[in-house]
Amino acid sequence: MPLPTTMPSRNRKGLTLLLLSAALLLLADVAYFCLAPHGLIYPPRSFAEAPKADAGAVLFQDFSATPSGISNETARRVNHGIALFRQGKLDYLLMAGGLRPGTARTGADLMADYAKKAGVPAAAILTDKGSFDSTSNLAGIAQTAASRHWRRLVLISSPHHLARISRWGLAPLALPCALSPYDPDRCNPALTRFEIWRSVHYNLIADSLRRLLPSPLYQDVVSWIRRHTSL
């Protein structure tokens, strides 16, 4: 019996409707993030104050081909940490994350170099070079905090990243910890609308995968991404 060479009319209409709906959803999604004010995009949180703490842990995002080696997103986080340090709210900056297989230097090293060039004393900068994702970031930060006998910590990252981490829980840190996201309206470098769109969807996907996948499989997925991309 010969196989049909054309799709039945009903199936073609269904597929066309599905593709059209997907296209309209994508257009609506893009339009929202192009037009919506930051207050409707970012989780409600105060960007003005951070408590006095022993250290601020700056969480790495990704690399870039720029002279500093870090992306604009990572630079925003480091710059926010530097600002808090200069305000006298932090005794140390702990640069955390950025371990990638086969690379000579970690993201933590690059963030430390960036902060030194910005005038932060080398003695006030520490690095956690053994972590490569949010879960291992917290474990590495906890080890450093325990070895240094710190009593209070500030986590520094993007608003969406810190919202995701707070949903997962901060118990691994085993000490009081405040969240200090940079202000999306005043950060340096300034955010583009594409970066905002990317941040929302990246963190939404990461949060969903961690909740849906068994922990070993989730770690395998993260490890593959770290080996094959700049994220």
C-alpha atoms as a PDB file:
ATOM      1  CA  MET A   1       0.000   0.000   0.000  1.00  0.00           C
ATOM      2  CA  PRO A   2       1.640   3.274  -1.058  1.00  0.00           C
ATOM      3  CA  LEU A   3       2.313   5.852   1.658  1.00  0.00           C
ATOM      4  CA  PRO A   4       0.491   9.193   1.387  1.00  0.00           C
ATOM      5  CA  THR A   5       2.741  11.870  -0.066  1.00  0.00           C
ATOM      6  CA  THR A   6       0.752  14.849   1.186  1.00  0.00           C
ATOM      7  CA  MET A   7      -0.519  15.825   4.609  1.00  0.00           C
ATOM      8  CA  PRO A   8      -4.309  15.671   5.051  1.00  0.00           C
ATOM      9  CA  SER A   9      -5.979  19.076   4.824  1.00  0.00           C
ATOM     10  CA  ARG A  10      -7.155  18.966   8.454  1.00  0.00           C
ATOM     11  CA  ASN A  11      -3.606  18.257   9.688  1.00  0.00           C
ATOM     12  CA  ARG A  12      -2.162  21.055   7.559  1.00  0.00           C
ATOM     13  CA  LYS A  13      -4.667  23.506   9.010  1.00  0.00           C
ATOM     14  CA  GLY A  14      -3.893  22.339  12.518  1.00  0.00           C
ATOM     15  CA  LEU A  15      -0.145  22.719  11.996  1.00  0.00           C
ATOM     16  CA  THR A  16      -0.607  26.144  10.420  1.00  0.00           C
ATOM     17  CA  LEU A  17      -2.716  27.264  13.375  1.00  0.00           C
ATOM     18  CA  LEU A  18      -0.127  25.943  15.818  1.00  0.00           C
ATOM     19  CA  LEU A  19       2.749  27.735  14.066  1.00  0.00           C
ATOM     20  CA  LEU A  20       0.748  30.957  13.804  1.00  0.00           C
ATOM     21  CA  SER A  21      -0.124  30.812  17.515  1.00  0.00           C
ATOM     22  CA  ALA A  22       3.536  30.229  18.416  1.00  0.00           C
ATOM     23  CA  ALA A  23       4.611  33.161  16.248  1.00  0.00           C
ATOM     24  CA  LEU A  24       2.021  35.456  17.838  1.00  0.00           C
ATOM     25  CA  LEU A  25       3.093  34.410  21.342  1.00  0.00           C
ATOM     26  CA  LEU A  26       6.711  35.103  20.464  1.00  0.00           C
ATOM     27  CA  LEU A  27       5.837  38.528  19.061  1.00  0.00           C
ATOM     28  CA  ALA A  28       3.790  39.354  22.162  1.00  0.00           C
ATOM     29  CA  ASP A  29       6.644  38.179  24.387  1.00  0.00           C
ATOM     30  CA  VAL A  30       9.200  40.330  22.568  1.00  0.00           C
ATOM     31  CA  ALA A  31       6.868  43.331  22.486  1.00  0.00           C
ATOM     32  CA  TYR A  32       6.257  43.105  26.222  1.00  0.00           C
ATOM     33  CA  PHE A  33       9.945  43.161  27.066  1.00  0.00           C
ATOM     34  CA  CYS A  34      10.564  45.983  24.604  1.00  0.00           C
ATOM     35  CA  LEU A  35       7.843  48.222  26.032  1.00  0.00           C
ATOM     36  CA  ALA A  36       7.173  47.273  29.656  1.00  0.00           C
ATOM     37  CA  PRO A  37       8.737  49.427  32.412  1.00  0.00           C
ATOM     38  CA  HIS A  38      11.306  47.751  34.656  1.00  0.00           C
ATOM     39  CA  GLY A  39       8.848  47.709  37.537  1.00  0.00           C
ATOM     40  CA  LEU A  40       6.724  45.156  35.666  1.00  0.00           C
ATOM     41  CA  ILE A  41       9.689  42.984  34.670  1.00  0.00           C
ATOM     42  CA  TYR A  42      11.799  42.745  37.801  1.00  0.00           C
ATOM     43  CA  PRO A  43      10.837  41.065  41.086  1.00  0.00           C
ATOM     44  CA  PRO A  44       9.863  43.537  43.819  1.00  0.00           C
ATOM     45  CA  ARG A  45      12.945  44.250  45.892  1.00  0.00           C
ATOM     46  CA  SER A  46      14.708  47.258  47.349  1.00  0.00           C
ATOM     47  CA  PHE A  47      17.784  48.230  45.374  1.00  0.00           C
ATOM     48  CA  ALA A  48      18.771  51.049  47.700  1.00  0.00           C
ATOM     49  CA  GLU A  49      20.163  49.404  50.807  1.00  0.00           C
ATOM     50  CA  ALA A  50      22.431  46.506  51.693  1.00  0.00           C
ATOM     51  CA  PRO A  51      23.356  45.649  55.284  1.00  0.00           C
ATOM     52  CA  LYS A  52      26.850  45.791  56.715  1.00  0.00           C
ATOM     53  CA  ALA A  53      28.438  42.373  56.287  1.00  0.00           C
ATOM     54  CA  ASP A  54      31.751  40.572  56.489  1.00  0.00           C
ATOM     55  CA  ALA A  55      31.772  39.971  52.749  1.00  0.00           C
ATOM     56  CA  GLY A  56      29.851  40.245  49.534  1.00  0.00           C
ATOM     57  CA  ALA A  57      29.885  37.178  47.293  1.00  0.00           C
ATOM     58  CA  VAL A  58      29.712  38.181  43.630  1.00  0.00           C
ATOM     59  CA  LEU A  59      28.281  35.430  41.430  1.00  0.00           C
ATOM     60  CA  PHE A  60      29.798  34.946  37.975  1.00  0.00           C
ATOM     61  CA  GLN A  61      27.586  34.893  34.883  1.00  0.00           C
ATOM     62  CA  ASP A  62      29.592  34.381  31.686  1.00  0.00           C
ATOM     63  CA  PHE A  63      32.720  35.182  29.704  1.00  0.00           C
ATOM     64  CA  SER A  64      33.236  37.520  26.768  1.00  0.00           C
ATOM     65  CA  ALA A  65      35.850  38.375  24.152  1.00  0.00           C
ATOM     66  CA  THR A  66      36.447  41.799  25.713  1.00  0.00           C
ATOM     67  CA  PRO A  67      39.854  42.681  27.263  1.00  0.00           C
ATOM     68  CA  SER A  68      38.468  42.019  30.762  1.00  0.00           C
ATOM     69  CA  GLY A  69      37.259  38.561  29.715  1.00  0.00           C
ATOM     70  CA  ILE A  70      33.923  39.005  31.480  1.00  0.00           C
ATOM     71  CA  SER A  71      30.530  39.820  30.001  1.00  0.00           C
ATOM     72  CA  ASN A  72      28.593  43.020  30.624  1.00  0.00           C
ATOM     73  CA  GLU A  73      26.279  41.062  32.928  1.00  0.00           C
ATOM     74  CA  THR A  74      29.185  39.852  35.046  1.00  0.00           C
ATOM     75  CA  ALA A  75      30.624  43.386  35.077  1.00  0.00           C
ATOM     76  CA  ARG A  76      27.337  44.759  36.435  1.00  0.00           C
ATOM     77  CA  ARG A  77      27.540  42.373  39.364  1.00  0.00           C
ATOM     78  CA  VAL A  78      31.188  43.163  40.088  1.00  0.00           C
ATOM     79  CA  ASN A  79      30.587  46.908  39.818  1.00  0.00           C
ATOM     80  CA  HIS A  80      27.719  46.636  42.294  1.00  0.00           C
ATOM     81  CA  GLY A  81      29.976  44.753  44.704  1.00  0.00           C
ATOM     82  CA  ILE A  82      32.701  47.380  44.288  1.00  0.00           C
ATOM     83  CA  ALA A  83      30.184  50.135  45.052  1.00  0.00           C
ATOM     84  CA  LEU A  84      29.091  48.396  48.269  1.00  0.00           C
ATOM     85  CA  PHE A  85      32.737  47.893  49.259  1.00  0.00           C
ATOM     86  CA  ARG A  86      33.494  51.580  48.713  1.00  0.00           C
ATOM     87  CA  GLN A  87      30.468  52.497  50.834  1.00  0.00           C
ATOM     88  CA  GLY A  88      32.063  50.591  53.710  1.00  0.00           C
ATOM     89  CA  LYS A  89      29.354  47.934  53.812  1.00  0.00           C
ATOM     90  CA  LEU A  90      31.665  45.022  52.989  1.00  0.00           C
ATOM     91  CA  ASP A  91      35.053  44.057  54.415  1.00  0.00           C
ATOM     92  CA  TYR A  92      35.770  41.608  51.592  1.00  0.00           C
ATOM     93  CA  LEU A  93      34.629  40.765  48.092  1.00  0.00           C
ATOM     94  CA  LEU A  94      34.429  37.050  47.335  1.00  0.00           C
ATOM     95  CA  MET A  95      34.409  36.346  43.595  1.00  0.00           C
ATOM     96  CA  ALA A  96      32.578  33.068  43.057  1.00  0.00           C
ATOM     97  CA  GLY A  97      32.230  30.741  40.100  1.00  0.00           C
ATOM     98  CA  GLY A  98      33.318  30.512  36.503  1.00  0.00           C
ATOM     99  CA  LEU A  99      35.059  27.122  36.607  1.00  0.00           C
ATOM    100  CA  ARG A 100      35.156  25.722  33.068  1.00  0.00           C
ATOM    101  CA  PRO A 101      36.831  22.510  31.896  1.00  0.00           C
ATOM    102  CA  GLY A 102      39.969  23.109  29.880  1.00  0.00           C
ATOM    103  CA  THR A 103      40.308  26.829  30.647  1.00  0.00           C
ATOM    104  CA  ALA A 104      43.452  28.231  32.196  1.00  0.00           C
ATOM    105  CA  ARG A 105      41.661  30.852  34.307  1.00  0.00           C
ATOM    106  CA  THR A 106      38.316  30.866  36.053  1.00  0.00           C
ATOM    107  CA  GLY A 107      35.653  33.525  35.995  1.00  0.00           C
ATOM    108  CA  ALA A 108      36.486  34.211  39.639  1.00  0.00           C
ATOM    109  CA  ASP A 109      40.049  35.124  38.620  1.00  0.00           C
ATOM    110  CA  LEU A 110      38.813  37.487  35.925  1.00  0.00           C
ATOM    111  CA  MET A 111      36.375  39.188  38.304  1.00  0.00           C
ATOM    112  CA  ALA A 112      39.187  39.605  40.847  1.00  0.00           C
ATOM    113  CA  ASP A 113      41.408  41.221  38.199  1.00  0.00           C
ATOM    114  CA  TYR A 114      38.563  43.535  37.216  1.00  0.00           C
ATOM    115  CA  ALA A 115      38.034  44.651  40.822  1.00  0.00           C
ATOM    116  CA  LYS A 116      41.763  45.211  41.377  1.00  0.00           C
ATOM    117  CA  LYS A 117      41.957  47.421  38.298  1.00  0.00           C
ATOM    118  CA  ALA A 118      39.007  49.376  39.688  1.00  0.00           C
ATOM    119  CA  GLY A 119      41.011  50.097  42.832  1.00  0.00           C
ATOM    120  CA  VAL A 120      39.877  47.434  45.301  1.00  0.00           C
ATOM    121  CA  PRO A 121      42.902  46.303  47.380  1.00  0.00           C
ATOM    122  CA  ALA A 122      44.080  42.789  46.560  1.00  0.00           C
ATOM    123  CA  ALA A 123      43.965  41.936  50.280  1.00  0.00           C
ATOM    124  CA  ALA A 124      40.205  42.571  50.264  1.00  0.00           C
ATOM    125  CA  ILE A 125      39.490  40.200  47.359  1.00  0.00           C
ATOM    126  CA  LEU A 126      39.014  36.440  47.694  1.00  0.00           C
ATOM    127  CA  THR A 127      38.129  33.865  45.040  1.00  0.00           C
ATOM    128  CA  ASP A 128      36.123  30.667  44.934  1.00  0.00           C
ATOM    129  CA  LYS A 129      37.500  28.907  41.842  1.00  0.00           C
ATOM    130  CA  GLY A 130      35.854  25.526  42.278  1.00  0.00           C
ATOM    131  CA  SER A 131      32.227  26.272  41.438  1.00  0.00           C
ATOM    132  CA  PHE A 132      30.460  26.358  38.091  1.00  0.00           C
ATOM    133  CA  ASP A 133      26.736  26.872  38.781  1.00  0.00           C
ATOM    134  CA  SER A 134      24.431  28.397  41.382  1.00  0.00           C
ATOM    135  CA  THR A 135      24.317  25.242  43.518  1.00  0.00           C
ATOM    136  CA  SER A 136      28.094  24.778  43.640  1.00  0.00           C
ATOM    137  CA  ASN A 137      28.485  28.562  44.087  1.00  0.00           C
ATOM    138  CA  LEU A 138      26.617  28.384  47.387  1.00  0.00           C
ATOM    139  CA  ALA A 139      28.622  25.364  48.532  1.00  0.00           C
ATOM    140  CA  GLY A 140      31.935  27.059  47.743  1.00  0.00           C
ATOM    141  CA  ILE A 141      30.862  30.311  49.372  1.00  0.00           C
ATOM    142  CA  ALA A 142      29.792  28.416  52.499  1.00  0.00           C
ATOM    143  CA  GLN A 143      33.225  26.768  52.755  1.00  0.00           C
ATOM    144  CA  THR A 144      35.030  30.103  52.507  1.00  0.00           C
ATOM    145  CA  ALA A 145      32.659  31.746  54.992  1.00  0.00           C
ATOM    146  CA  ALA A 146      33.191  28.934  57.515  1.00  0.00           C
ATOM    147  CA  SER A 147      36.993  29.017  57.154  1.00  0.00           C
ATOM    148  CA  ARG A 148      36.990  32.789  57.661  1.00  0.00           C
ATOM    149  CA  HIS A 149      34.489  32.664  60.543  1.00  0.00           C
ATOM    150  CA  TRP A 150      32.229  35.171  58.829  1.00  0.00           C
ATOM    151  CA  ARG A 151      28.969  35.956  60.598  1.00  0.00           C
ATOM    152  CA  ARG A 152      27.040  37.773  57.881  1.00  0.00           C
ATOM    153  CA  LEU A 153      27.137  37.646  54.106  1.00  0.00           C
ATOM    154  CA  VAL A 154      25.657  39.504  51.137  1.00  0.00           C
ATOM    155  CA  LEU A 155      24.965  37.724  47.839  1.00  0.00           C
ATOM    156  CA  ILE A 156      25.459  39.963  44.798  1.00  0.00           C
ATOM    157  CA  SER A 157      23.999  39.198  41.392  1.00  0.00           C
ATOM    158  CA  SER A 158      21.195  40.180  39.038  1.00  0.00           C
ATOM    159  CA  PRO A 159      17.633  40.601  40.363  1.00  0.00           C
ATOM    160  CA  HIS A 160      16.335  37.568  38.459  1.00  0.00           C
ATOM    161  CA  HIS A 161      19.254  35.347  39.455  1.00  0.00           C
ATOM    162  CA  LEU A 162      18.886  36.170  43.153  1.00  0.00           C
ATOM    163  CA  ALA A 163      15.122  35.639  42.977  1.00  0.00           C
ATOM    164  CA  ARG A 164      15.776  32.176  41.540  1.00  0.00           C
ATOM    165  CA  ILE A 165      18.375  31.317  44.198  1.00  0.00           C
ATOM    166  CA  SER A 166      16.097  32.501  46.999  1.00  0.00           C
ATOM    167  CA  ARG A 167      13.344  30.183  45.720  1.00  0.00           C
ATOM    168  CA  TRP A 168      15.784  27.276  45.900  1.00  0.00           C
ATOM    169  CA  GLY A 169      16.762  28.189  49.457  1.00  0.00           C
ATOM    170  CA  LEU A 170      19.853  29.638  51.117  1.00  0.00           C
ATOM    171  CA  ALA A 171      20.215  26.958  53.810  1.00  0.00           C
ATOM    172  CA  PRO A 172      23.528  25.663  52.320  1.00  0.00           C
ATOM    173  CA  LEU A 173      25.209  28.913  53.369  1.00  0.00           C
ATOM    174  CA  ALA A 174      24.535  28.187  57.067  1.00  0.00           C
ATOM    175  CA  LEU A 175      24.794  31.861  58.098  1.00  0.00           C
ATOM    176  CA  PRO A 176      22.642  34.989  57.843  1.00  0.00           C
ATOM    177  CA  CYS A 177      22.635  36.163  54.260  1.00  0.00           C
ATOM    178  CA  ALA A 178      21.123  39.206  52.546  1.00  0.00           C
ATOM    179  CA  LEU A 179      20.435  39.511  48.835  1.00  0.00           C
ATOM    180  CA  SER A 180      21.732  42.601  47.050  1.00  0.00           C
ATOM    181  CA  PRO A 181      20.841  42.765  43.351  1.00  0.00           C
ATOM    182  CA  TYR A 182      22.085  45.628  41.243  1.00  0.00           C
ATOM    183  CA  ASP A 183      19.517  48.284  40.367  1.00  0.00           C
ATOM    184  CA  PRO A 184      18.408  47.669  36.750  1.00  0.00           C
ATOM    185  CA  ASP A 185      17.768  51.410  36.295  1.00  0.00           C
ATOM    186  CA  ARG A 186      21.217  52.507  37.489  1.00  0.00           C
ATOM    187  CA  CYS A 187      23.560  49.600  36.803  1.00  0.00           C
ATOM    188  CA  ASN A 188      26.875  49.871  34.980  1.00  0.00           C
ATOM    189  CA  PRO A 189      27.008  48.915  32.119  1.00  0.00           C
ATOM    190  CA  ALA A 190      23.430  49.875  31.324  1.00  0.00           C
ATOM    191  CA  LEU A 191      21.034  47.057  30.475  1.00  0.00           C
ATOM    192  CA  THR A 192      19.693  46.594  26.970  1.00  0.00           C
ATOM    193  CA  ARG A 193      16.171  45.322  26.372  1.00  0.00           C
ATOM    194  CA  PHE A 194      17.582  42.157  24.823  1.00  0.00           C
ATOM    195  CA  GLU A 195      19.640  41.488  27.952  1.00  0.00           C
ATOM    196  CA  ILE A 196      16.527  41.901  30.087  1.00  0.00           C
ATOM    197  CA  TRP A 197      14.628  39.463  27.855  1.00  0.00           C
ATOM    198  CA  ARG A 198      17.521  37.008  28.001  1.00  0.00           C
ATOM    199  CA  SER A 199      17.808  37.248  31.799  1.00  0.00           C
ATOM    200  CA  VAL A 200      14.127  36.515  32.367  1.00  0.00           C
ATOM    201  CA  HIS A 201      14.035  33.516  30.046  1.00  0.00           C
ATOM    202  CA  TYR A 202      17.427  32.116  31.081  1.00  0.00           C
ATOM    203  CA  ASN A 203      16.463  32.100  34.754  1.00  0.00           C
ATOM    204  CA  LEU A 204      12.978  30.772  34.023  1.00  0.00           C
ATOM    205  CA  ILE A 205      14.426  27.850  32.055  1.00  0.00           C
ATOM    206  CA  ALA A 206      17.109  27.166  34.688  1.00  0.00           C
ATOM    207  CA  ASP A 207      14.537  27.218  37.480  1.00  0.00           C
ATOM    208  CA  SER A 208      12.186  24.903  35.577  1.00  0.00           C
ATOM    209  CA  LEU A 209      14.925  22.399  34.731  1.00  0.00           C
ATOM    210  CA  ARG A 210      16.094  22.201  38.329  1.00  0.00           C
ATOM    211  CA  ARG A 211      12.565  21.581  39.566  1.00  0.00           C
ATOM    212  CA  LEU A 212      11.627  19.061  36.874  1.00  0.00           C
ATOM    213  CA  LEU A 213      14.800  17.015  36.414  1.00  0.00           C
ATOM    214  CA  PRO A 214      16.376  14.580  38.883  1.00  0.00           C
ATOM    215  CA  SER A 215      19.396  16.218  40.505  1.00  0.00           C
ATOM    216  CA  PRO A 216      22.047  14.033  38.729  1.00  0.00           C
ATOM    217  CA  LEU A 217      20.473  14.702  35.331  1.00  0.00           C
ATOM    218  CA  TYR A 218      20.223  18.424  36.045  1.00  0.00           C
ATOM    219  CA  GLN A 219      23.927  18.533  36.942  1.00  0.00           C
ATOM    220  CA  ASP A 220      24.765  16.640  33.738  1.00  0.00           C
ATOM    221  CA  VAL A 221      22.849  19.227  31.705  1.00  0.00           C
ATOM    222  CA  VAL A 222      24.636  22.106  33.454  1.00  0.00           C
ATOM    223  CA  SER A 223      28.032  20.431  32.961  1.00  0.00           C
ATOM    224  CA  TRP A 224      27.336  20.002  29.227  1.00  0.00           C
ATOM    225  CA  ILE A 225      26.376  23.674  28.915  1.00  0.00           C
ATOM    226  CA  ARG A 226      29.546  24.742  30.722  1.00  0.00           C
ATOM    227  CA  ARG A 227      31.732  22.596  28.465  1.00  0.00           C
ATOM    228  CA  HIS A 228      30.170  23.685  25.177  1.00  0.00           C
ATOM    229  CA  THR A 229      29.102  27.315  25.646  1.00  0.00           C
ATOM    230  CA  SER A 230      30.402  30.531  27.206  1.00  0.00           C
ATOM    231  CA  LEU A 231      27.582  30.525  29.796  1.00  0.00           C
END
